[in-house]
Amino acid sequence: KGRFTISRDNAKNTVYLQMNSLKPDDTAVYYCAARSSSRGSYY
């Protein structure tokens, strides 16, 4: 929170993750995921 921003452009069918003030603990493989249902936690 305060460092990353998620956004989307439906015209381009694209979602973005802007990552600022990166830390070594942010090192990982990052995966994008899609869901069609509103049920269940986003987390």
ModelCIF file with pLDDT and N, C-alpha, C, O atoms, coordinates in Angstrom:
data_MODEL
#
_entry.id   MODEL 
#
_entity.id                         1 
_entity.type                       polymer 
_entity.pdbx_number_of_molecules   1 
#
_entity_poly.entity_id                      1 
_entity_poly.type                           'polypeptide(L)' 
_entity_poly.nstd_linkage                   no 
_entity_poly.nstd_monomer                   no 
_entity_poly.pdbx_seq_one_letter_code       KGRFTISRDNAKNTVYLQMNSLKPDDTAVYYCAARSSSRGSYY 
_entity_poly.pdbx_seq_one_letter_code_can   KGRFTISRDNAKNTVYLQMNSLKPDDTAVYYCAARSSSRGSYY 
_entity_poly.pdbx_strand_id                 A 
#
loop_
_entity_poly_seq.entity_id 
_entity_poly_seq.num 
_entity_poly_seq.mon_id 
_entity_poly_seq.hetero 
1 1  LYS n 
1 2  GLY n 
1 3  ARG n 
1 4  PHE n 
1 5  THR n 
1 6  ILE n 
1 7  SER n 
1 8  ARG n 
1 9  ASP n 
1 10 ASN n 
1 11 ALA n 
1 12 LYS n 
1 13 ASN n 
1 14 THR n 
1 15 VAL n 
1 16 TYR n 
1 17 LEU n 
1 18 GLN n 
1 19 MET n 
1 20 ASN n 
1 21 SER n 
1 22 LEU n 
1 23 LYS n 
1 24 PRO n 
1 25 ASP n 
1 26 ASP n 
1 27 THR n 
1 28 ALA n 
1 29 VAL n 
1 30 TYR n 
1 31 TYR n 
1 32 CYS n 
1 33 ALA n 
1 34 ALA n 
1 35 ARG n 
1 36 SER n 
1 37 SER n 
1 38 SER n 
1 39 ARG n 
1 40 GLY n 
1 41 SER n 
1 42 TYR n 
1 43 TYR n 
#
_struct_asym.id          A 
_struct_asym.entity_id   1 
#
loop_
_ma_qa_metric.id 
_ma_qa_metric.mode 
_ma_qa_metric.name 
_ma_qa_metric.software_group_id 
_ma_qa_metric.type 
1 global pLDDT . pLDDT 
2 local  pLDDT . pLDDT 
#
_ma_qa_metric_global.metric_id      1 
_ma_qa_metric_global.metric_value   95.09 
_ma_qa_metric_global.model_id       1 
_ma_qa_metric_global.ordinal_id     1 
#
loop_
_ma_qa_metric_local.label_asym_id 
_ma_qa_metric_local.label_comp_id 
_ma_qa_metric_local.label_seq_id 
_ma_qa_metric_local.metric_id 
_ma_qa_metric_local.metric_value 
_ma_qa_metric_local.model_id 
_ma_qa_metric_local.ordinal_id 
A LYS 1  2 98.00 1 1  
A GLY 2  2 97.00 1 2  
A ARG 3  2 98.00 1 3  
A PHE 4  2 98.00 1 4  
A THR 5  2 98.00 1 5  
A ILE 6  2 98.00 1 6  
A SER 7  2 97.00 1 7  
A ARG 8  2 95.00 1 8  
A ASP 9  2 94.00 1 9  
A ASN 10 2 92.00 1 10 
A ALA 11 2 92.00 1 11 
A LYS 12 2 94.00 1 12 
A ASN 13 2 95.00 1 13 
A THR 14 2 96.00 1 14 
A VAL 15 2 97.00 1 15 
A TYR 16 2 98.00 1 16 
A LEU 17 2 98.00 1 17 
A GLN 18 2 98.00 1 18 
A MET 19 2 98.00 1 19 
A ASN 20 2 98.00 1 20 
A SER 21 2 98.00 1 21 
A LEU 22 2 98.00 1 22 
A LYS 23 2 98.00 1 23 
A PRO 24 2 97.00 1 24 
A ASP 25 2 97.00 1 25 
A ASP 26 2 98.00 1 26 
A THR 27 2 98.00 1 27 
A ALA 28 2 98.00 1 28 
A VAL 29 2 98.00 1 29 
A TYR 30 2 98.00 1 30 
A TYR 31 2 98.00 1 31 
A CYS 32 2 98.00 1 32 
A ALA 33 2 97.00 1 33 
A ALA 34 2 96.00 1 34 
A ARG 35 2 94.00 1 35 
A SER 36 2 90.00 1 36 
A SER 37 2 84.00 1 37 
A SER 38 2 79.00 1 38 
A ARG 39 2 81.00 1 39 
A GLY 40 2 86.00 1 40 
A SER 41 2 92.00 1 41 
A TYR 42 2 93.00 1 42 
A TYR 43 2 94.00 1 43 
#
loop_
_atom_site.group_PDB 
_atom_site.id 
_atom_site.type_symbol 
_atom_site.label_atom_id 
_atom_site.label_alt_id 
_atom_site.label_comp_id 
_atom_site.label_asym_id 
_atom_site.label_entity_id 
_atom_site.label_seq_id 
_atom_site.pdbx_PDB_ins_code 
_atom_site.Cartn_x 
_atom_site.Cartn_y 
_atom_site.Cartn_z 
_atom_site.occupancy 
_atom_site.B_iso_or_equiv 
_atom_site.pdbx_formal_charge 
_atom_site.auth_seq_id 
_atom_site.auth_comp_id 
_atom_site.auth_asym_id 
_atom_site.auth_atom_id 
_atom_site.pdbx_PDB_model_num 
ATOM 1   N N  . LYS A 1 1  ? 0.842   -1.202  0.000   1.00 98.00 ? 1  LYS A N  1 
ATOM 2   C CA . LYS A 1 1  ? 0.000   0.000   0.000   1.00 98.00 ? 1  LYS A CA 1 
ATOM 3   C C  . LYS A 1 1  ? 0.873   1.246   0.000   1.00 98.00 ? 1  LYS A C  1 
ATOM 4   O O  . LYS A 1 1  ? 1.835   1.346   0.761   1.00 98.00 ? 1  LYS A O  1 
ATOM 5   N N  . GLY A 1 2  ? 0.525   2.192   -0.862  1.00 97.00 ? 2  GLY A N  1 
ATOM 6   C CA . GLY A 1 2  ? 1.295   3.422   -0.982  1.00 97.00 ? 2  GLY A CA 1 
ATOM 7   C C  . GLY A 1 2  ? 2.469   3.321   -1.930  1.00 97.00 ? 2  GLY A C  1 
ATOM 8   O O  . GLY A 1 2  ? 3.069   4.337   -2.281  1.00 97.00 ? 2  GLY A O  1 
ATOM 9   N N  . ARG A 1 3  ? 2.810   2.100   -2.355  1.00 98.00 ? 3  ARG A N  1 
ATOM 10  C CA . ARG A 1 3  ? 3.931   1.908   -3.280  1.00 98.00 ? 3  ARG A CA 1 
ATOM 11  C C  . ARG A 1 3  ? 3.479   1.351   -4.632  1.00 98.00 ? 3  ARG A C  1 
ATOM 12  O O  . ARG A 1 3  ? 4.028   1.723   -5.669  1.00 98.00 ? 3  ARG A O  1 
ATOM 13  N N  . PHE A 1 4  ? 2.498   0.478   -4.626  1.00 98.00 ? 4  PHE A N  1 
ATOM 14  C CA . PHE A 1 4  ? 2.010   -0.159  -5.850  1.00 98.00 ? 4  PHE A CA 1 
ATOM 15  C C  . PHE A 1 4  ? 0.638   0.399   -6.212  1.00 98.00 ? 4  PHE A C  1 
ATOM 16  O O  . PHE A 1 4  ? -0.149  0.765   -5.340  1.00 98.00 ? 4  PHE A O  1 
ATOM 17  N N  . THR A 1 5  ? 0.368   0.457   -7.514  1.00 98.00 ? 5  THR A N  1 
ATOM 18  C CA . THR A 1 5  ? -0.936  0.890   -8.002  1.00 98.00 ? 5  THR A CA 1 
ATOM 19  C C  . THR A 1 5  ? -1.398  -0.049  -9.108  1.00 98.00 ? 5  THR A C  1 
ATOM 20  O O  . THR A 1 5  ? -0.685  -0.274  -10.086 1.00 98.00 ? 5  THR A O  1 
ATOM 21  N N  . ILE A 1 6  ? -2.590  -0.588  -8.941  1.00 98.00 ? 6  ILE A N  1 
ATOM 22  C CA . ILE A 1 6  ? -3.182  -1.426  -9.980  1.00 98.00 ? 6  ILE A CA 1 
ATOM 23  C C  . ILE A 1 6  ? -4.163  -0.588  -10.785 1.00 98.00 ? 6  ILE A C  1 
ATOM 24  O O  . ILE A 1 6  ? -4.894  0.237   -10.237 1.00 98.00 ? 6  ILE A O  1 
ATOM 25  N N  . SER A 1 7  ? -4.166  -0.814  -12.093 1.00 97.00 ? 7  SER A N  1 
ATOM 26  C CA . SER A 1 7  ? -5.092  -0.098  -12.967 1.00 97.00 ? 7  SER A CA 1 
ATOM 27  C C  . SER A 1 7  ? -5.425  -0.986  -14.148 1.00 97.00 ? 7  SER A C  1 
ATOM 28  O O  . SER A 1 7  ? -4.785  -2.015  -14.361 1.00 97.00 ? 7  SER A O  1 
ATOM 29  N N  . ARG A 1 8  ? -6.425  -0.587  -14.914 1.00 95.00 ? 8  ARG A N  1 
ATOM 30  C CA . ARG A 1 8  ? -6.808  -1.377  -16.075 1.00 95.00 ? 8  ARG A CA 1 
ATOM 31  C C  . ARG A 1 8  ? -7.246  -0.467  -17.208 1.00 95.00 ? 8  ARG A C  1 
ATOM 32  O O  . ARG A 1 8  ? -7.733  0.643   -16.991 1.00 95.00 ? 8  ARG A O  1 
ATOM 33  N N  . ASP A 1 9  ? -7.059  -0.968  -18.424 1.00 94.00 ? 9  ASP A N  1 
ATOM 34  C CA . ASP A 1 9  ? -7.497  -0.279  -19.641 1.00 94.00 ? 9  ASP A CA 1 
ATOM 35  C C  . ASP A 1 9  ? -8.313  -1.288  -20.426 1.00 94.00 ? 9  ASP A C  1 
ATOM 36  O O  . ASP A 1 9  ? -7.756  -2.143  -21.116 1.00 94.00 ? 9  ASP A O  1 
ATOM 37  N N  . ASN A 1 10 ? -9.625  -1.192  -20.322 1.00 92.00 ? 10 ASN A N  1 
ATOM 38  C CA . ASN A 1 10 ? -10.480 -2.185  -20.969 1.00 92.00 ? 10 ASN A CA 1 
ATOM 39  C C  . ASN A 1 10 ? -10.400 -2.109  -22.490 1.00 92.00 ? 10 ASN A C  1 
ATOM 40  O O  . ASN A 1 10 ? -10.603 -3.117  -23.167 1.00 92.00 ? 10 ASN A O  1 
ATOM 41  N N  . ALA A 1 11 ? -10.112 -0.947  -23.028 1.00 92.00 ? 11 ALA A N  1 
ATOM 42  C CA . ALA A 1 11 ? -9.978  -0.816  -24.481 1.00 92.00 ? 11 ALA A CA 1 
ATOM 43  C C  . ALA A 1 11 ? -8.780  -1.598  -25.000 1.00 92.00 ? 11 ALA A C  1 
ATOM 44  O O  . ALA A 1 11 ? -8.762  -2.027  -26.154 1.00 92.00 ? 11 ALA A O  1 
ATOM 45  N N  . LYS A 1 12 ? -7.783  -1.781  -24.144 1.00 94.00 ? 12 LYS A N  1 
ATOM 46  C CA . LYS A 1 12 ? -6.579  -2.515  -24.534 1.00 94.00 ? 12 LYS A CA 1 
ATOM 47  C C  . LYS A 1 12 ? -6.538  -3.918  -23.930 1.00 94.00 ? 12 LYS A C  1 
ATOM 48  O O  . LYS A 1 12 ? -5.567  -4.650  -24.121 1.00 94.00 ? 12 LYS A O  1 
ATOM 49  N N  . ASN A 1 13 ? -7.590  -4.293  -23.202 1.00 95.00 ? 13 ASN A N  1 
ATOM 50  C CA . ASN A 1 13 ? -7.624  -5.606  -22.544 1.00 95.00 ? 13 ASN A CA 1 
ATOM 51  C C  . ASN A 1 13 ? -6.386  -5.827  -21.685 1.00 95.00 ? 13 ASN A C  1 
ATOM 52  O O  . ASN A 1 13 ? -5.791  -6.904  -21.709 1.00 95.00 ? 13 ASN A O  1 
ATOM 53  N N  . THR A 1 14 ? -6.009  -4.827  -20.943 1.00 96.00 ? 14 THR A N  1 
ATOM 54  C CA . THR A 1 14 ? -4.754  -4.890  -20.198 1.00 96.00 ? 14 THR A CA 1 
ATOM 55  C C  . THR A 1 14 ? -4.940  -4.372  -18.770 1.00 96.00 ? 14 THR A C  1 
ATOM 56  O O  . THR A 1 14 ? -5.650  -3.396  -18.526 1.00 96.00 ? 14 THR A O  1 
ATOM 57  N N  . VAL A 1 15 ? -4.289  -5.050  -17.855 1.00 97.00 ? 15 VAL A N  1 
ATOM 58  C CA . VAL A 1 15 ? -4.218  -4.585  -16.473 1.00 97.00 ? 15 VAL A CA 1 
ATOM 59  C C  . VAL A 1 15 ? -2.754  -4.314  -16.147 1.00 97.00 ? 15 VAL A C  1 
ATOM 60  O O  . VAL A 1 15 ? -1.863  -5.012  -16.631 1.00 97.00 ? 15 VAL A O  1 
ATOM 61  N N  . TYR A 1 16 ? -2.516  -3.309  -15.333 1.00 98.00 ? 16 TYR A N  1 
ATOM 62  C CA . TYR A 1 16 ? -1.162  -2.875  -15.017 1.00 98.00 ? 16 TYR A CA 1 
ATOM 63  C C  . TYR A 1 16 ? -0.913  -2.941  -13.514 1.00 98.00 ? 16 TYR A C  1 
ATOM 64  O O  . TYR A 1 16 ? -1.837  -2.879  -12.703 1.00 98.00 ? 16 TYR A O  1 
ATOM 65  N N  . LEU A 1 17 ? 0.352   -3.069  -13.178 1.00 98.00 ? 17 LEU A N  1 
ATOM 66  C CA . LEU A 1 17 ? 0.770   -2.939  -11.791 1.00 98.00 ? 17 LEU A CA 1 
ATOM 67  C C  . LEU A 1 17 ? 1.993   -2.030  -11.775 1.00 98.00 ? 17 LEU A C  1 
ATOM 68  O O  . LEU A 1 17 ? 3.093   -2.449  -12.133 1.00 98.00 ? 17 LEU A O  1 
ATOM 69  N N  . GLN A 1 18 ? 1.793   -0.794  -11.361 1.00 98.00 ? 18 GLN A N  1 
ATOM 70  C CA . GLN A 1 18 ? 2.894   0.149   -11.211 1.00 98.00 ? 18 GLN A CA 1 
ATOM 71  C C  . GLN A 1 18 ? 3.521   -0.066  -9.849  1.00 98.00 ? 18 GLN A C  1 
ATOM 72  O O  . GLN A 1 18 ? 2.845   0.030   -8.824  1.00 98.00 ? 18 GLN A O  1 
ATOM 73  N N  . MET A 1 19 ? 4.812   -0.356  -9.838  1.00 98.00 ? 19 MET A N  1 
ATOM 74  C CA . MET A 1 19 ? 5.512   -0.662  -8.593  1.00 98.00 ? 19 MET A CA 1 
ATOM 75  C C  . MET A 1 19 ? 6.608   0.365   -8.376  1.00 98.00 ? 19 MET A C  1 
ATOM 76  O O  . MET A 1 19 ? 7.549   0.459   -9.163  1.00 98.00 ? 19 MET A O  1 
ATOM 77  N N  . ASN A 1 20 ? 6.483   1.122   -7.321  1.00 98.00 ? 20 ASN A N  1 
ATOM 78  C CA . ASN A 1 20 ? 7.460   2.150   -6.963  1.00 98.00 ? 20 ASN A CA 1 
ATOM 79  C C  . ASN A 1 20 ? 8.121   1.815   -5.635  1.00 98.00 ? 20 ASN A C  1 
ATOM 80  O O  . ASN A 1 20 ? 7.622   0.990   -4.870  1.00 98.00 ? 20 ASN A O  1 
ATOM 81  N N  . SER A 1 21 ? 9.237   2.459   -5.372  1.00 98.00 ? 21 SER A N  1 
ATOM 82  C CA . SER A 1 21 ? 9.961   2.261   -4.108  1.00 98.00 ? 21 SER A CA 1 
ATOM 83  C C  . SER A 1 21 ? 10.165  0.767   -3.829  1.00 98.00 ? 21 SER A C  1 
ATOM 84  O O  . SER A 1 21 ? 9.902   0.283   -2.728  1.00 98.00 ? 21 SER A O  1 
ATOM 85  N N  . LEU A 1 22 ? 10.627  0.070   -4.830  1.00 98.00 ? 22 LEU A N  1 
ATOM 86  C CA . LEU A 1 22 ? 10.769  -1.381  -4.702  1.00 98.00 ? 22 LEU A CA 1 
ATOM 87  C C  . LEU A 1 22 ? 11.807  -1.755  -3.655  1.00 98.00 ? 22 LEU A C  1 
ATOM 88  O O  . LEU A 1 22 ? 12.800  -1.057  -3.448  1.00 98.00 ? 22 LEU A O  1 
ATOM 89  N N  . LYS A 1 23 ? 11.539  -2.883  -3.004  1.00 98.00 ? 23 LYS A N  1 
ATOM 90  C CA . LYS A 1 23 ? 12.410  -3.400  -1.948  1.00 98.00 ? 23 LYS A CA 1 
ATOM 91  C C  . LYS A 1 23 ? 12.861  -4.812  -2.320  1.00 98.00 ? 23 LYS A C  1 
ATOM 92  O O  . LYS A 1 23 ? 12.188  -5.489  -3.097  1.00 98.00 ? 23 LYS A O  1 
ATOM 93  N N  . PRO A 1 24 ? 13.982  -5.258  -1.778  1.00 97.00 ? 24 PRO A N  1 
ATOM 94  C CA . PRO A 1 24 ? 14.408  -6.644  -2.052  1.00 97.00 ? 24 PRO A CA 1 
ATOM 95  C C  . PRO A 1 24 ? 13.329  -7.672  -1.707  1.00 97.00 ? 24 PRO A C  1 
ATOM 96  O O  . PRO A 1 24 ? 13.242  -8.711  -2.361  1.00 97.00 ? 24 PRO A O  1 
ATOM 97  N N  . ASP A 1 25 ? 12.511  -7.401  -0.695  1.00 97.00 ? 25 ASP A N  1 
ATOM 98  C CA . ASP A 1 25 ? 11.434  -8.328  -0.328  1.00 97.00 ? 25 ASP A CA 1 
ATOM 99  C C  . ASP A 1 25 ? 10.346  -8.430  -1.398  1.00 97.00 ? 25 ASP A C  1 
ATOM 100 O O  . ASP A 1 25 ? 9.508   -9.329  -1.339  1.00 97.00 ? 25 ASP A O  1 
ATOM 101 N N  . ASP A 1 26 ? 10.350  -7.533  -2.359  1.00 98.00 ? 26 ASP A N  1 
ATOM 102 C CA . ASP A 1 26 ? 9.386   -7.609  -3.460  1.00 98.00 ? 26 ASP A CA 1 
ATOM 103 C C  . ASP A 1 26 ? 9.823   -8.592  -4.544  1.00 98.00 ? 26 ASP A C  1 
ATOM 104 O O  . ASP A 1 26 ? 9.074   -8.854  -5.485  1.00 98.00 ? 26 ASP A O  1 
ATOM 105 N N  . THR A 1 27 ? 11.024  -9.132  -4.414  1.00 98.00 ? 27 THR A N  1 
ATOM 106 C CA . THR A 1 27 ? 11.530  -10.085 -5.397  1.00 98.00 ? 27 THR A CA 1 
ATOM 107 C C  . THR A 1 27 ? 10.650  -11.333 -5.426  1.00 98.00 ? 27 THR A C  1 
ATOM 108 O O  . THR A 1 27 ? 10.433  -11.976 -4.399  1.00 98.00 ? 27 THR A O  1 
ATOM 109 N N  . ALA A 1 28 ? 10.149  -11.663 -6.609  1.00 98.00 ? 28 ALA A N  1 
ATOM 110 C CA . ALA A 1 28 ? 9.250   -12.802 -6.767  1.00 98.00 ? 28 ALA A CA 1 
ATOM 111 C C  . ALA A 1 28 ? 8.874   -12.935 -8.230  1.00 98.00 ? 28 ALA A C  1 
ATOM 112 O O  . ALA A 1 28 ? 9.177   -12.067 -9.049  1.00 98.00 ? 28 ALA A O  1 
ATOM 113 N N  . VAL A 1 29 ? 8.215   -14.027 -8.540  1.00 98.00 ? 29 VAL A N  1 
ATOM 114 C CA . VAL A 1 29 ? 7.530   -14.146 -9.817  1.00 98.00 ? 29 VAL A CA 1 
ATOM 115 C C  . VAL A 1 29 ? 6.129   -13.567 -9.620  1.00 98.00 ? 29 VAL A C  1 
ATOM 116 O O  . VAL A 1 29 ? 5.411   -13.949 -8.696  1.00 98.00 ? 29 VAL A O  1 
ATOM 117 N N  . TYR A 1 30 ? 5.759   -12.657 -10.486 1.00 98.00 ? 30 TYR A N  1 
ATOM 118 C CA . TYR A 1 30 ? 4.469   -11.982 -10.387 1.00 98.00 ? 30 TYR A CA 1 
ATOM 119 C C  . TYR A 1 30 ? 3.502   -12.581 -11.410 1.00 98.00 ? 30 TYR A C  1 
ATOM 120 O O  . TYR A 1 30 ? 3.829   -12.729 -12.588 1.00 98.00 ? 30 TYR A O  1 
ATOM 121 N N  . TYR A 1 31 ? 2.304   -12.921 -10.928 1.00 98.00 ? 31 TYR A N  1 
ATOM 122 C CA . TYR A 1 31 ? 1.292   -13.556 -11.748 1.00 98.00 ? 31 TYR A CA 1 
ATOM 123 C C  . TYR A 1 31 ? 0.059   -12.676 -11.857 1.00 98.00 ? 31 TYR A C  1 
ATOM 124 O O  . TYR A 1 31 ? -0.360  -12.034 -10.894 1.00 98.00 ? 31 TYR A O  1 
ATOM 125 N N  . CYS A 1 32 ? -0.498  -12.663 -13.032 1.00 98.00 ? 32 CYS A N  1 
ATOM 126 C CA . CYS A 1 32 ? -1.763  -11.995 -13.288 1.00 98.00 ? 32 CYS A CA 1 
ATOM 127 C C  . CYS A 1 32 ? -2.867  -13.054 -13.241 1.00 98.00 ? 32 CYS A C  1 
ATOM 128 O O  . CYS A 1 32 ? -2.656  -14.195 -13.654 1.00 98.00 ? 32 CYS A O  1 
ATOM 129 N N  . ALA A 1 33 ? -4.040  -12.674 -12.738 1.00 97.00 ? 33 ALA A N  1 
ATOM 130 C CA . ALA A 1 33 ? -5.147  -13.617 -12.639 1.00 97.00 ? 33 ALA A CA 1 
ATOM 131 C C  . ALA A 1 33 ? -6.459  -12.908 -12.934 1.00 97.00 ? 33 ALA A C  1 
ATOM 132 O O  . ALA A 1 33 ? -6.589  -11.700 -12.737 1.00 97.00 ? 33 ALA A O  1 
ATOM 133 N N  . ALA A 1 34 ? -7.425  -13.678 -13.408 1.00 96.00 ? 34 ALA A N  1 
ATOM 134 C CA . ALA A 1 34 ? -8.736  -13.130 -13.757 1.00 96.00 ? 34 ALA A CA 1 
ATOM 135 C C  . ALA A 1 34 ? -9.831  -13.955 -13.100 1.00 96.00 ? 34 ALA A C  1 
ATOM 136 O O  . ALA A 1 34 ? -9.704  -15.172 -12.965 1.00 96.00 ? 34 ALA A O  1 
ATOM 137 N N  . ARG A 1 35 ? -10.910 -13.289 -12.689 1.00 94.00 ? 35 ARG A N  1 
ATOM 138 C CA . ARG A 1 35 ? -12.050 -13.973 -12.096 1.00 94.00 ? 35 ARG A CA 1 
ATOM 139 C C  . ARG A 1 35 ? -13.321 -13.347 -12.631 1.00 94.00 ? 35 ARG A C  1 
ATOM 140 O O  . ARG A 1 35 ? -13.392 -12.137 -12.846 1.00 94.00 ? 35 ARG A O  1 
ATOM 141 N N  . SER A 1 36 ? -14.328 -14.190 -12.844 1.00 90.00 ? 36 SER A N  1 
ATOM 142 C CA . SER A 1 36 ? -15.595 -13.706 -13.378 1.00 90.00 ? 36 SER A CA 1 
ATOM 143 C C  . SER A 1 36 ? -16.670 -13.608 -12.305 1.00 90.00 ? 36 SER A C  1 
ATOM 144 O O  . SER A 1 36 ? -17.698 -12.964 -12.514 1.00 90.00 ? 36 SER A O  1 
ATOM 145 N N  . SER A 1 37 ? -16.445 -14.232 -11.172 1.00 84.00 ? 37 SER A N  1 
ATOM 146 C CA . SER A 1 37 ? -17.457 -14.245 -10.123 1.00 84.00 ? 37 SER A CA 1 
ATOM 147 C C  . SER A 1 37 ? -17.140 -13.202 -9.063  1.00 84.00 ? 37 SER A C  1 
ATOM 148 O O  . SER A 1 37 ? -15.978 -12.886 -8.808  1.00 84.00 ? 37 SER A O  1 
ATOM 149 N N  . SER A 1 38 ? -18.175 -12.681 -8.461  1.00 79.00 ? 38 SER A N  1 
ATOM 150 C CA . SER A 1 38 ? -17.989 -11.748 -7.351  1.00 79.00 ? 38 SER A CA 1 
ATOM 151 C C  . SER A 1 38 ? -17.945 -12.470 -6.007  1.00 79.00 ? 38 SER A C  1 
ATOM 152 O O  . SER A 1 38 ? -17.762 -11.841 -4.965  1.00 79.00 ? 38 SER A O  1 
ATOM 153 N N  . ARG A 1 39 ? -18.112 -13.782 -6.032  1.00 81.00 ? 39 ARG A N  1 
ATOM 154 C CA . ARG A 1 39 ? -18.084 -14.542 -4.783  1.00 81.00 ? 39 ARG A CA 1 
ATOM 155 C C  . ARG A 1 39 ? -16.658 -14.882 -4.403  1.00 81.00 ? 39 ARG A C  1 
ATOM 156 O O  . ARG A 1 39 ? -15.812 -15.093 -5.272  1.00 81.00 ? 39 ARG A O  1 
ATOM 157 N N  . GLY A 1 40 ? -16.393 -14.936 -3.128  1.00 86.00 ? 40 GLY A N  1 
ATOM 158 C CA . GLY A 1 40 ? -15.069 -15.283 -2.657  1.00 86.00 ? 40 GLY A CA 1 
ATOM 159 C C  . GLY A 1 40 ? -14.179 -14.073 -2.503  1.00 86.00 ? 40 GLY A C  1 
ATOM 160 O O  . GLY A 1 40 ? -14.397 -13.033 -3.123  1.00 86.00 ? 40 GLY A O  1 
ATOM 161 N N  . SER A 1 41 ? -13.177 -14.228 -1.666  1.00 92.00 ? 41 SER A N  1 
ATOM 162 C CA . SER A 1 41 ? -12.283 -13.126 -1.374  1.00 92.00 ? 41 SER A CA 1 
ATOM 163 C C  . SER A 1 41 ? -11.353 -12.816 -2.542  1.00 92.00 ? 41 SER A C  1 
ATOM 164 O O  . SER A 1 41 ? -10.873 -13.732 -3.209  1.00 92.00 ? 41 SER A O  1 
ATOM 165 N N  . TYR A 1 42 ? -11.101 -11.561 -2.791  1.00 93.00 ? 42 TYR A N  1 
ATOM 166 C CA . TYR A 1 42 ? -10.138 -11.159 -3.803  1.00 93.00 ? 42 TYR A CA 1 
ATOM 167 C C  . TYR A 1 42 ? -8.721  -11.560 -3.409  1.00 93.00 ? 42 TYR A C  1 
ATOM 168 O O  . TYR A 1 42 ? -7.832  -11.626 -4.257  1.00 93.00 ? 42 TYR A O  1 
ATOM 169 N N  . TYR A 1 43 ? -8.511  -11.827 -2.126  1.00 94.00 ? 43 TYR A N  1 
ATOM 170 C CA . TYR A 1 43 ? -7.191  -12.145 -1.615  1.00 94.00 ? 43 TYR A CA 1 
ATOM 171 C C  . TYR A 1 43 ? -6.828  -13.625 -1.772  1.00 94.00 ? 43 TYR A C  1 
ATOM 172 O O  . TYR A 1 43 ? -5.736  -14.037 -1.381  1.00 94.00 ? 43 TYR A O  1 
#
